[in-house]
Amino acid sequence: MDTDVIIKIEGVEYHFKLKSSSILYLERKLKRNIFEAFQHPDFTIMVNIFYACASAECKQKYTDEGALFDALLAEYGMEELAENYLNELVQKSGLVQKTEIPMTPSAEASEKTWNK
């Protein structure tokens, strides 16, 4: 089973994978259950999820969460990241079935004018 999500940033493909170690790290850092975080991901949650799931090669180029997420936003925008890539990360991890958790940005995130 293919569990990696491939996301292109500036023409380069990077692998993202939600592993058990990533989930444990995120629950400690976010101080919430991972399923709660996925139901209505706010900006901080999305920044942390994508960085926790990024491959070593991706983290080598984008050395902190903000740099990676800025690059992702420049390519895709908040709504596409939430609806497509975050959803795919969760599904490919095996945590949920395709229809279990609808991924939508929080109301705070979707009201911002910087969304694409």
Protein backbone atom coordinates (compact mmCIF):
# COMPACT_ATOMS: atom_id res chain seq x y z
CA MET A 1 0.00 0.00 0.00
CA ASP A 2 1.30 3.43 -0.98
CA THR A 3 1.23 5.58 2.15
CA ASP A 4 3.20 8.59 0.94
CA VAL A 5 1.61 11.75 -0.36
CA ILE A 6 3.70 13.46 -3.00
CA ILE A 7 3.49 17.24 -3.11
CA LYS A 8 5.37 19.38 -5.60
CA ILE A 9 6.94 22.59 -4.35
CA GLU A 10 8.69 24.78 -6.90
CA GLY A 11 8.76 21.85 -9.32
CA VAL A 12 10.39 19.42 -6.86
CA GLU A 13 8.46 16.40 -5.54
CA TYR A 14 8.56 15.85 -1.79
CA HIS A 15 7.13 12.93 0.16
CA PHE A 16 4.85 13.43 3.15
CA LYS A 17 3.77 10.57 5.39
CA LEU A 18 1.74 10.49 8.59
CA LYS A 19 3.47 7.96 10.83
CA SER A 20 2.76 6.90 14.40
CA SER A 21 5.78 8.88 15.60
CA SER A 22 4.38 11.97 13.83
CA ILE A 23 1.01 11.51 15.51
CA LEU A 24 2.56 11.16 18.98
CA TYR A 25 4.68 14.26 18.38
CA LEU A 26 1.66 16.25 17.15
CA GLU A 27 -0.58 15.24 20.07
CA ARG A 28 2.09 16.36 22.54
CA LYS A 29 2.81 19.59 20.70
CA LEU A 30 -0.81 20.53 19.96
CA LYS A 31 -2.14 19.26 23.32
CA ARG A 32 -5.15 17.68 21.65
CA ASN A 33 -6.32 14.40 20.19
CA ILE A 34 -5.19 13.99 16.60
CA PHE A 35 -8.76 13.33 15.40
CA GLU A 36 -9.92 16.63 16.90
CA ALA A 37 -7.06 18.40 15.17
CA PHE A 38 -8.01 16.91 11.79
CA GLN A 39 -11.70 17.78 12.00
CA HIS A 40 -11.19 21.55 11.87
CA PRO A 41 -7.52 22.27 11.31
CA ASP A 42 -6.54 25.84 12.04
CA PHE A 43 -3.42 27.49 10.69
CA THR A 44 -1.12 26.32 13.51
CA ILE A 45 -2.34 22.74 13.27
CA MET A 46 -1.82 22.61 9.51
CA VAL A 47 1.67 24.10 9.77
CA ASN A 48 2.66 21.49 12.34
CA ILE A 49 1.04 18.54 10.56
CA PHE A 50 2.73 19.19 7.24
CA TYR A 51 6.12 19.68 8.86
CA ALA A 52 5.76 16.56 11.03
CA CYS A 53 4.89 14.53 7.93
CA ALA A 54 7.58 15.94 5.64
CA SER A 55 10.44 13.77 4.43
CA ALA A 56 14.01 14.39 5.55
CA GLU A 57 14.81 15.87 2.13
CA CYS A 58 11.97 18.34 2.47
CA LYS A 59 13.04 19.33 5.98
CA GLN A 60 16.58 19.78 4.76
CA LYS A 61 15.44 22.43 2.26
CA TYR A 62 12.75 23.99 4.48
CA THR A 63 14.43 24.08 7.87
CA ASP A 64 11.42 25.19 9.90
CA GLU A 65 7.65 24.82 9.89
CA GLY A 66 7.00 28.36 8.70
CA ALA A 67 9.31 28.16 5.69
CA LEU A 68 7.72 24.91 4.53
CA PHE A 69 4.18 26.14 4.98
CA ASP A 70 4.92 29.44 3.22
CA ALA A 71 6.18 27.44 0.23
CA LEU A 72 3.08 25.22 0.32
CA LEU A 73 0.77 28.25 0.52
CA ALA A 74 2.52 29.87 -2.43
CA GLU A 75 1.84 26.78 -4.54
CA TYR A 76 -1.60 25.69 -3.36
CA GLY A 77 -3.39 27.97 -0.91
CA MET A 78 -4.93 27.06 2.42
CA GLU A 79 -8.17 25.55 1.13
CA GLU A 80 -6.50 23.20 -1.35
CA LEU A 81 -3.96 22.09 1.25
CA ALA A 82 -6.75 21.24 3.71
CA GLU A 83 -9.21 19.65 1.32
CA ASN A 84 -6.80 17.71 -0.88
CA TYR A 85 -3.43 17.07 0.70
CA LEU A 86 -4.31 16.94 4.39
CA ASN A 87 -7.24 14.68 3.61
CA GLU A 88 -5.01 12.41 1.54
CA LEU A 89 -2.38 12.27 4.33
CA VAL A 90 -4.95 11.07 6.83
CA GLN A 91 -6.53 8.55 4.48
CA LYS A 92 -3.24 7.05 3.34
CA SER A 93 -2.09 6.69 6.95
CA GLY A 94 -4.97 4.27 7.54
CA LEU A 95 -6.41 6.28 10.43
CA VAL A 96 -9.75 6.85 8.75
CA GLN A 97 -11.85 5.71 5.83
CA LYS A 98 -12.40 8.12 2.98
CA THR A 99 -15.68 9.55 4.31
CA GLU A 100 -15.03 9.59 8.06
CA ILE A 101 -13.49 13.03 8.55
CA PRO A 102 -14.33 15.93 6.28
CA MET A 103 -11.25 18.15 6.10
CA THR A 104 -12.15 21.81 6.06
CA PRO A 105 -10.16 24.75 7.31
CA SER A 106 -11.40 26.33 10.51
CA ALA A 107 -13.72 29.32 10.16
CA GLU A 108 -10.82 31.56 11.14
CA ALA A 109 -8.65 30.26 8.31
CA SER A 110 -11.34 30.31 5.62
CA GLU A 111 -12.24 33.95 6.34
CA LYS A 112 -8.72 35.23 5.62
CA THR A 113 -8.21 37.12 2.38
CA TRP A 114 -4.84 35.45 1.74
CA ASN A 115 -6.49 32.16 0.81
CA LYS A 116 -6.28 31.29 -2.86
